[in-house]
Amino acid sequence: VERGAGDVAARLEQNQAEAAAEGREGAIDPATD
């Protein structure tokens, strides 16, 4: 479960970083929160 949660968290963080970089409203930039 811990490994799976870590994998999911990493993917979500990557998706949010991309969305924030593209300026999509509502996304959270993981670097700045």
PDB file of all heavy atoms in Angstrom:
ATOM      1  N   VAL A   1       0.841  -1.203   0.000  1.00  0.00           N
ATOM      2  CA  VAL A   1       0.000   0.000   0.000  1.00  0.00           C
ATOM      3  C   VAL A   1       0.871   1.245   0.000  1.00  0.00           C
ATOM      4  O   VAL A   1       0.619   2.202  -0.736  1.00  0.00           O
ATOM      5  CB  VAL A   1      -0.970  -0.001   1.207  1.00  0.00           C
ATOM      6  CG1 VAL A   1      -1.628   1.353   1.391  1.00  0.00           C
ATOM      7  CG2 VAL A   1      -2.013  -1.085   1.026  1.00  0.00           C
ATOM      8  N   GLU A   2       1.912   1.219   0.817  1.00  0.00           N
ATOM      9  CA  GLU A   2       2.816   2.372   0.902  1.00  0.00           C
ATOM     10  C   GLU A   2       3.498   2.628  -0.445  1.00  0.00           C
ATOM     11  O   GLU A   2       3.574   3.769  -0.901  1.00  0.00           O
ATOM     12  CB  GLU A   2       3.860   2.106   1.991  1.00  0.00           C
ATOM     13  CG  GLU A   2       4.767   3.281   2.279  1.00  0.00           C
ATOM     14  CD  GLU A   2       5.707   2.984   3.430  1.00  0.00           C
ATOM     15  OE1 GLU A   2       6.182   1.842   3.553  1.00  0.00           O
ATOM     16  OE2 GLU A   2       5.977   3.910   4.199  1.00  0.00           O
ATOM     17  N   ARG A   3       3.996   1.551  -1.081  1.00  0.00           N
ATOM     18  CA  ARG A   3       4.623   1.707  -2.401  1.00  0.00           C
ATOM     19  C   ARG A   3       3.615   2.233  -3.417  1.00  0.00           C
ATOM     20  O   ARG A   3       3.910   3.137  -4.199  1.00  0.00           O
ATOM     21  CB  ARG A   3       5.196   0.374  -2.878  1.00  0.00           C
ATOM     22  CG  ARG A   3       6.567   0.069  -2.358  1.00  0.00           C
ATOM     23  CD  ARG A   3       7.198  -1.110  -3.091  1.00  0.00           C
ATOM     24  NE  ARG A   3       6.360  -2.310  -3.063  1.00  0.00           N
ATOM     25  CZ  ARG A   3       6.363  -3.211  -2.089  1.00  0.00           C
ATOM     26  NH1 ARG A   3       7.134  -3.053  -1.051  1.00  0.00           N
ATOM     27  NH2 ARG A   3       5.576  -4.275  -2.161  1.00  0.00           N
ATOM     28  N   GLY A   4       2.417   1.640  -3.405  1.00  0.00           N
ATOM     29  CA  GLY A   4       1.378   2.069  -4.340  1.00  0.00           C
ATOM     30  C   GLY A   4       0.991   3.519  -4.131  1.00  0.00           C
ATOM     31  O   GLY A   4       0.833   4.285  -5.078  1.00  0.00           O
ATOM     32  N   ALA A   5       0.851   3.920  -2.870  1.00  0.00           N
ATOM     33  CA  ALA A   5       0.496   5.308  -2.564  1.00  0.00           C
ATOM     34  C   ALA A   5       1.609   6.252  -3.004  1.00  0.00           C
ATOM     35  O   ALA A   5       1.331   7.339  -3.520  1.00  0.00           O
ATOM     36  CB  ALA A   5       0.224   5.465  -1.070  1.00  0.00           C
ATOM     37  N   GLY A   6       2.838   5.826  -2.819  1.00  0.00           N
ATOM     38  CA  GLY A   6       3.967   6.656  -3.259  1.00  0.00           C
ATOM     39  C   GLY A   6       3.977   6.835  -4.761  1.00  0.00           C
ATOM     40  O   GLY A   6       4.215   7.937  -5.273  1.00  0.00           O
ATOM     41  N   ASP A   7       3.684   5.748  -5.485  1.00  0.00           N
ATOM     42  CA  ASP A   7       3.629   5.821  -6.948  1.00  0.00           C
ATOM     43  C   ASP A   7       2.509   6.747  -7.397  1.00  0.00           C
ATOM     44  O   ASP A   7       2.683   7.566  -8.300  1.00  0.00           O
ATOM     45  CB  ASP A   7       3.413   4.430  -7.552  1.00  0.00           C
ATOM     46  CG  ASP A   7       4.612   3.507  -7.364  1.00  0.00           C
ATOM     47  OD1 ASP A   7       5.701   4.002  -7.014  1.00  0.00           O
ATOM     48  OD2 ASP A   7       4.439   2.290  -7.565  1.00  0.00           O
ATOM     49  N   VAL A   8       1.347   6.614  -6.767  1.00  0.00           N
ATOM     50  CA  VAL A   8       0.205   7.466  -7.114  1.00  0.00           C
ATOM     51  C   VAL A   8       0.528   8.925  -6.809  1.00  0.00           C
ATOM     52  O   VAL A   8       0.255   9.818  -7.618  1.00  0.00           O
ATOM     53  CB  VAL A   8      -1.073   7.006  -6.371  1.00  0.00           C
ATOM     54  CG1 VAL A   8      -2.186   8.032  -6.508  1.00  0.00           C
ATOM     55  CG2 VAL A   8      -1.525   5.660  -6.894  1.00  0.00           C
ATOM     56  N   ALA A   9       1.113   9.176  -5.651  1.00  0.00           N
ATOM     57  CA  ALA A   9       1.462  10.549  -5.271  1.00  0.00           C
ATOM     58  C   ALA A   9       2.451  11.159  -6.262  1.00  0.00           C
ATOM     59  O   ALA A   9       2.308  12.324  -6.653  1.00  0.00           O
ATOM     60  CB  ALA A   9       2.033  10.576  -3.850  1.00  0.00           C
ATOM     61  N   ALA A  10       3.420  10.378  -6.687  1.00  0.00           N
ATOM     62  CA  ALA A  10       4.412  10.883  -7.645  1.00  0.00           C
ATOM     63  C   ALA A  10       3.748  11.227  -8.979  1.00  0.00           C
ATOM     64  O   ALA A  10       4.043  12.276  -9.581  1.00  0.00           O
ATOM     65  CB  ALA A  10       5.515   9.853  -7.851  1.00  0.00           C
ATOM     66  N   ARG A  11       2.837  10.352  -9.437  1.00  0.00           N
ATOM     67  CA  ARG A  11       2.139  10.632 -10.698  1.00  0.00           C
ATOM     68  C   ARG A  11       1.255  11.866 -10.596  1.00  0.00           C
ATOM     69  O   ARG A  11       1.214  12.705 -11.499  1.00  0.00           O
ATOM     70  CB  ARG A  11       1.292   9.432 -11.109  1.00  0.00           C
ATOM     71  CG  ARG A  11       2.036   8.528 -12.082  1.00  0.00           C
ATOM     72  CD  ARG A  11       1.171   7.421 -12.568  1.00  0.00           C
ATOM     73  NE  ARG A  11       1.195   6.431 -11.471  1.00  0.00           N
ATOM     74  CZ  ARG A  11       0.291   5.516 -11.268  1.00  0.00           C
ATOM     75  NH1 ARG A  11      -0.737   5.413 -12.057  1.00  0.00           N
ATOM     76  NH2 ARG A  11       0.387   4.674 -10.266  1.00  0.00           N
ATOM     77  N   LEU A  12       0.530  11.976  -9.469  1.00  0.00           N
ATOM     78  CA  LEU A  12      -0.333  13.144  -9.281  1.00  0.00           C
ATOM     79  C   LEU A  12       0.492  14.430  -9.209  1.00  0.00           C
ATOM     80  O   LEU A  12       0.116  15.458  -9.779  1.00  0.00           O
ATOM     81  CB  LEU A  12      -1.176  12.982  -8.014  1.00  0.00           C
ATOM     82  CG  LEU A  12      -2.248  11.900  -8.067  1.00  0.00           C
ATOM     83  CD1 LEU A  12      -2.878  11.718  -6.699  1.00  0.00           C
ATOM     84  CD2 LEU A  12      -3.303  12.234  -9.112  1.00  0.00           C
ATOM     85  N   GLU A  13       1.608  14.350  -8.527  1.00  0.00           N
ATOM     86  CA  GLU A  13       2.478  15.534  -8.422  1.00  0.00           C
ATOM     87  C   GLU A  13       3.001  15.941  -9.798  1.00  0.00           C
ATOM     88  O   GLU A  13       3.028  17.124 -10.139  1.00  0.00           O
ATOM     89  CB  GLU A  13       3.649  15.232  -7.476  1.00  0.00           C
ATOM     90  CG  GLU A  13       4.483  16.453  -7.159  1.00  0.00           C
ATOM     91  CD  GLU A  13       5.513  16.154  -6.083  1.00  0.00           C
ATOM     92  OE1 GLU A  13       5.179  15.477  -5.092  1.00  0.00           O
ATOM     93  OE2 GLU A  13       6.643  16.630  -6.249  1.00  0.00           O
ATOM     94  N   GLN A  14       3.377  14.942 -10.600  1.00  0.00           N
ATOM     95  CA  GLN A  14       3.862  15.232 -11.948  1.00  0.00           C
ATOM     96  C   GLN A  14       2.742  15.857 -12.790  1.00  0.00           C
ATOM     97  O   GLN A  14       2.970  16.851 -13.499  1.00  0.00           O
ATOM     98  CB  GLN A  14       4.366  13.955 -12.614  1.00  0.00           C
ATOM     99  CG  GLN A  14       4.901  14.175 -14.016  1.00  0.00           C
ATOM    100  CD  GLN A  14       5.392  12.883 -14.641  1.00  0.00           C
ATOM    101  OE1 GLN A  14       5.379  11.827 -14.015  1.00  0.00           O
ATOM    102  NE2 GLN A  14       5.803  12.964 -15.885  1.00  0.00           N
ATOM    103  N   ASN A  15       1.538  15.297 -12.680  1.00  0.00           N
ATOM    104  CA  ASN A  15       0.399  15.853 -13.435  1.00  0.00           C
ATOM    105  C   ASN A  15       0.117  17.288 -13.007  1.00  0.00           C
ATOM    106  O   ASN A  15      -0.156  18.156 -13.852  1.00  0.00           O
ATOM    107  CB  ASN A  15      -0.857  15.003 -13.215  1.00  0.00           C
ATOM    108  CG  ASN A  15      -0.762  13.654 -13.886  1.00  0.00           C
ATOM    109  OD1 ASN A  15       0.118  13.410 -14.706  1.00  0.00           O
ATOM    110  ND2 ASN A  15      -1.666  12.760 -13.518  1.00  0.00           N
ATOM    111  N   GLN A  16       0.158  17.559 -11.714  1.00  0.00           N
ATOM    112  CA  GLN A  16      -0.113  18.911 -11.214  1.00  0.00           C
ATOM    113  C   GLN A  16       0.991  19.880 -11.638  1.00  0.00           C
ATOM    114  O   GLN A  16       0.710  21.032 -11.973  1.00  0.00           O
ATOM    115  CB  GLN A  16      -0.250  18.912  -9.687  1.00  0.00           C
ATOM    116  CG  GLN A  16      -1.556  18.334  -9.201  1.00  0.00           C
ATOM    117  CD  GLN A  16      -2.738  19.198  -9.607  1.00  0.00           C
ATOM    118  OE1 GLN A  16      -2.889  20.327  -9.146  1.00  0.00           O
ATOM    119  NE2 GLN A  16      -3.579  18.672 -10.488  1.00  0.00           N
ATOM    120  N   ALA A  17       2.229  19.414 -11.644  1.00  0.00           N
ATOM    121  CA  ALA A  17       3.335  20.278 -12.088  1.00  0.00           C
ATOM    122  C   ALA A  17       3.149  20.662 -13.552  1.00  0.00           C
ATOM    123  O   ALA A  17       3.335  21.830 -13.934  1.00  0.00           O
ATOM    124  CB  ALA A  17       4.671  19.573 -11.880  1.00  0.00           C
ATOM    125  N   GLU A  18       2.770  19.692 -14.377  1.00  0.00           N
ATOM    126  CA  GLU A  18       2.537  19.975 -15.797  1.00  0.00           C
ATOM    127  C   GLU A  18       1.355  20.923 -15.973  1.00  0.00           C
ATOM    128  O   GLU A  18       1.422  21.867 -16.767  1.00  0.00           O
ATOM    129  CB  GLU A  18       2.287  18.675 -16.562  1.00  0.00           C
ATOM    130  CG  GLU A  18       3.513  17.799 -16.698  1.00  0.00           C
ATOM    131  CD  GLU A  18       3.198  16.428 -17.282  1.00  0.00           C
ATOM    132  OE1 GLU A  18       2.038  16.182 -17.704  1.00  0.00           O
ATOM    133  OE2 GLU A  18       4.116  15.590 -17.300  1.00  0.00           O
ATOM    134  N   ALA A  19       0.279  20.675 -15.225  1.00  0.00           N
ATOM    135  CA  ALA A  19      -0.904  21.521 -15.332  1.00  0.00           C
ATOM    136  C   ALA A  19      -0.586  22.945 -14.884  1.00  0.00           C
ATOM    137  O   ALA A  19      -1.024  23.925 -15.512  1.00  0.00           O
ATOM    138  CB  ALA A  19      -2.046  20.943 -14.496  1.00  0.00           C
ATOM    139  N   ALA A  20       0.180  23.083 -13.815  1.00  0.00           N
ATOM    140  CA  ALA A  20       0.550  24.415 -13.327  1.00  0.00           C
ATOM    141  C   ALA A  20       1.449  25.118 -14.333  1.00  0.00           C
ATOM    142  O   ALA A  20       1.297  26.322 -14.581  1.00  0.00           O
ATOM    143  CB  ALA A  20       1.243  24.313 -11.973  1.00  0.00           C
ATOM    144  N   ALA A  21       2.377  24.370 -14.936  1.00  0.00           N
ATOM    145  CA  ALA A  21       3.280  24.957 -15.928  1.00  0.00           C
ATOM    146  C   ALA A  21       2.506  25.434 -17.150  1.00  0.00           C
ATOM    147  O   ALA A  21       2.863  26.437 -17.774  1.00  0.00           O
ATOM    148  CB  ALA A  21       4.342  23.937 -16.337  1.00  0.00           C
ATOM    149  N   GLU A  22       1.432  24.742 -17.459  1.00  0.00           N
ATOM    150  CA  GLU A  22       0.600  25.145 -18.591  1.00  0.00           C
ATOM    151  C   GLU A  22      -0.392  26.237 -18.205  1.00  0.00           C
ATOM    152  O   GLU A  22      -1.127  26.743 -19.042  1.00  0.00           O
ATOM    153  CB  GLU A  22      -0.157  23.926 -19.138  1.00  0.00           C
ATOM    154  CG  GLU A  22       0.747  22.890 -19.771  1.00  0.00           C
ATOM    155  CD  GLU A  22       0.012  21.602 -20.121  1.00  0.00           C
ATOM    156  OE1 GLU A  22      -1.230  21.543 -19.968  1.00  0.00           O
ATOM    157  OE2 GLU A  22       0.687  20.655 -20.547  1.00  0.00           O
ATOM    158  N   GLY A  23      -0.451  26.572 -16.912  1.00  0.00           N
ATOM    159  CA  GLY A  23      -1.329  27.633 -16.453  1.00  0.00           C
ATOM    160  C   GLY A  23      -2.779  27.210 -16.296  1.00  0.00           C
ATOM    161  O   GLY A  23      -3.669  28.064 -16.278  1.00  0.00           O
ATOM    162  N   ARG A  24      -3.024  25.917 -16.169  1.00  0.00           N
ATOM    163  CA  ARG A  24      -4.410  25.458 -16.006  1.00  0.00           C
ATOM    164  C   ARG A  24      -4.939  25.858 -14.640  1.00  0.00           C
ATOM    165  O   ARG A  24      -4.349  25.554 -13.611  1.00  0.00           O
ATOM    166  CB  ARG A  24      -4.489  23.944 -16.174  1.00  0.00           C
ATOM    167  CG  ARG A  24      -4.341  23.534 -17.618  1.00  0.00           C
ATOM    168  CD  ARG A  24      -4.731  22.081 -17.804  1.00  0.00           C
ATOM    169  NE  ARG A  24      -3.529  21.352 -18.220  1.00  0.00           N
ATOM    170  CZ  ARG A  24      -3.331  20.075 -18.020  1.00  0.00           C
ATOM    171  NH1 ARG A  24      -4.228  19.340 -17.412  1.00  0.00           N
ATOM    172  NH2 ARG A  24      -2.232  19.510 -18.437  1.00  0.00           N
ATOM    173  N   GLU A  25      -6.060  26.556 -14.668  1.00  0.00           N
ATOM    174  CA  GLU A  25      -6.662  27.062 -13.441  1.00  0.00           C
ATOM    175  C   GLU A  25      -7.071  25.912 -12.521  1.00  0.00           C
ATOM    176  O   GLU A  25      -7.633  24.919 -12.954  1.00  0.00           O
ATOM    177  CB  GLU A  25      -7.902  27.910 -13.790  1.00  0.00           C
ATOM    178  CG  GLU A  25      -8.418  28.696 -12.617  1.00  0.00           C
ATOM    179  CD  GLU A  25      -9.523  29.658 -13.016  1.00  0.00           C
ATOM    180  OE1 GLU A  25      -9.462  30.205 -14.133  1.00  0.00           O
ATOM    181  OE2 GLU A  25     -10.421  29.852 -12.196  1.00  0.00           O
ATOM    182  N   GLY A  26      -6.776  26.070 -11.242  1.00  0.00           N
ATOM    183  CA  GLY A  26      -7.121  25.072 -10.238  1.00  0.00           C
ATOM    184  C   GLY A  26      -5.981  24.138  -9.894  1.00  0.00           C
ATOM    185  O   GLY A  26      -6.008  23.478  -8.857  1.00  0.00           O
ATOM    186  N   ALA A  27      -4.974  24.055 -10.771  1.00  0.00           N
ATOM    187  CA  ALA A  27      -3.832  23.175 -10.496  1.00  0.00           C
ATOM    188  C   ALA A  27      -2.990  23.773  -9.372  1.00  0.00           C
ATOM    189  O   ALA A  27      -2.993  24.981  -9.147  1.00  0.00           O
ATOM    190  CB  ALA A  27      -2.978  23.022 -11.756  1.00  0.00           C
ATOM    191  N   ILE A  28      -2.282  22.937  -8.668  1.00  0.00           N
ATOM    192  CA  ILE A  28      -1.363  23.402  -7.620  1.00  0.00           C
ATOM    193  C   ILE A  28       0.048  23.055  -8.048  1.00  0.00           C
ATOM    194  O   ILE A  28       0.353  21.905  -8.352  1.00  0.00           O
ATOM    195  CB  ILE A  28      -1.682  22.753  -6.260  1.00  0.00           C
ATOM    196  CG1 ILE A  28      -3.051  23.217  -5.790  1.00  0.00           C
ATOM    197  CG2 ILE A  28      -0.611  23.074  -5.232  1.00  0.00           C
ATOM    198  CD1 ILE A  28      -3.484  22.636  -4.471  1.00  0.00           C
ATOM    199  N   ASP A  29       0.906  24.054  -8.067  1.00  0.00           N
ATOM    200  CA  ASP A  29       2.312  23.854  -8.408  1.00  0.00           C
ATOM    201  C   ASP A  29       2.988  23.192  -7.202  1.00  0.00           C
ATOM    202  O   ASP A  29       3.093  23.795  -6.136  1.00  0.00           O
ATOM    203  CB  ASP A  29       2.977  25.195  -8.727  1.00  0.00           C
ATOM    204  CG  ASP A  29       4.406  25.034  -9.189  1.00  0.00           C
ATOM    205  OD1 ASP A  29       4.967  23.923  -9.077  1.00  0.00           O
ATOM    206  OD2 ASP A  29       4.980  26.035  -9.646  1.00  0.00           O
ATOM    207  N   PRO A  30       3.462  21.928  -7.342  1.00  0.00           N
ATOM    208  CA  PRO A  30       4.064  21.237  -6.211  1.00  0.00           C
ATOM    209  C   PRO A  30       5.321  21.930  -5.676  1.00  0.00           C
ATOM    210  O   PRO A  30       5.628  21.817  -4.486  1.00  0.00           O
ATOM    211  CB  PRO A  30       4.419  19.865  -6.765  1.00  0.00           C
ATOM    212  CG  PRO A  30       3.637  19.707  -8.007  1.00  0.00           C
ATOM    213  CD  PRO A  30       3.376  21.083  -8.508  1.00  0.00           C
ATOM    214  N   ALA A  31       6.017  22.668  -6.513  1.00  0.00           N
ATOM    215  CA  ALA A  31       7.237  23.348  -6.081  1.00  0.00           C
ATOM    216  C   ALA A  31       6.940  24.509  -5.112  1.00  0.00           C
ATOM    217  O   ALA A  31       7.699  24.777  -4.200  1.00  0.00           O
ATOM    218  CB  ALA A  31       8.022  23.855  -7.287  1.00  0.00           C
ATOM    219  N   THR A  32       5.807  25.189  -5.344  1.00  0.00           N
ATOM    220  CA  THR A  32       5.471  26.346  -4.519  1.00  0.00           C
ATOM    221  C   THR A  32       4.259  26.115  -3.621  1.00  0.00           C
ATOM    222  O   THR A  32       3.989  26.923  -2.742  1.00  0.00           O
ATOM    223  CB  THR A  32       5.182  27.566  -5.407  1.00  0.00           C
ATOM    224  OG1 THR A  32       4.031  27.269  -6.228  1.00  0.00           O
ATOM    225  CG2 THR A  32       6.373  27.912  -6.281  1.00  0.00           C
ATOM    226  N   ASP A  33       3.540  25.065  -3.883  1.00  0.00           N
ATOM    227  CA  ASP A  33       2.300  24.750  -3.172  1.00  0.00           C
ATOM    228  C   ASP A  33       1.260  25.854  -3.335  1.00  0.00           C
ATOM    229  O   ASP A  33       0.444  26.084  -2.470  1.00  0.00           O
ATOM    230  CB  ASP A  33       2.577  24.479  -1.682  1.00  0.00           C
ATOM    231  CG  ASP A  33       1.520  23.573  -1.069  1.00  0.00           C
ATOM    232  OD1 ASP A  33       0.934  22.750  -1.795  1.00  0.00           O
ATOM    233  OD2 ASP A  33       1.275  23.695   0.146  1.00  0.00           O
TER     234      ASP A  33
END
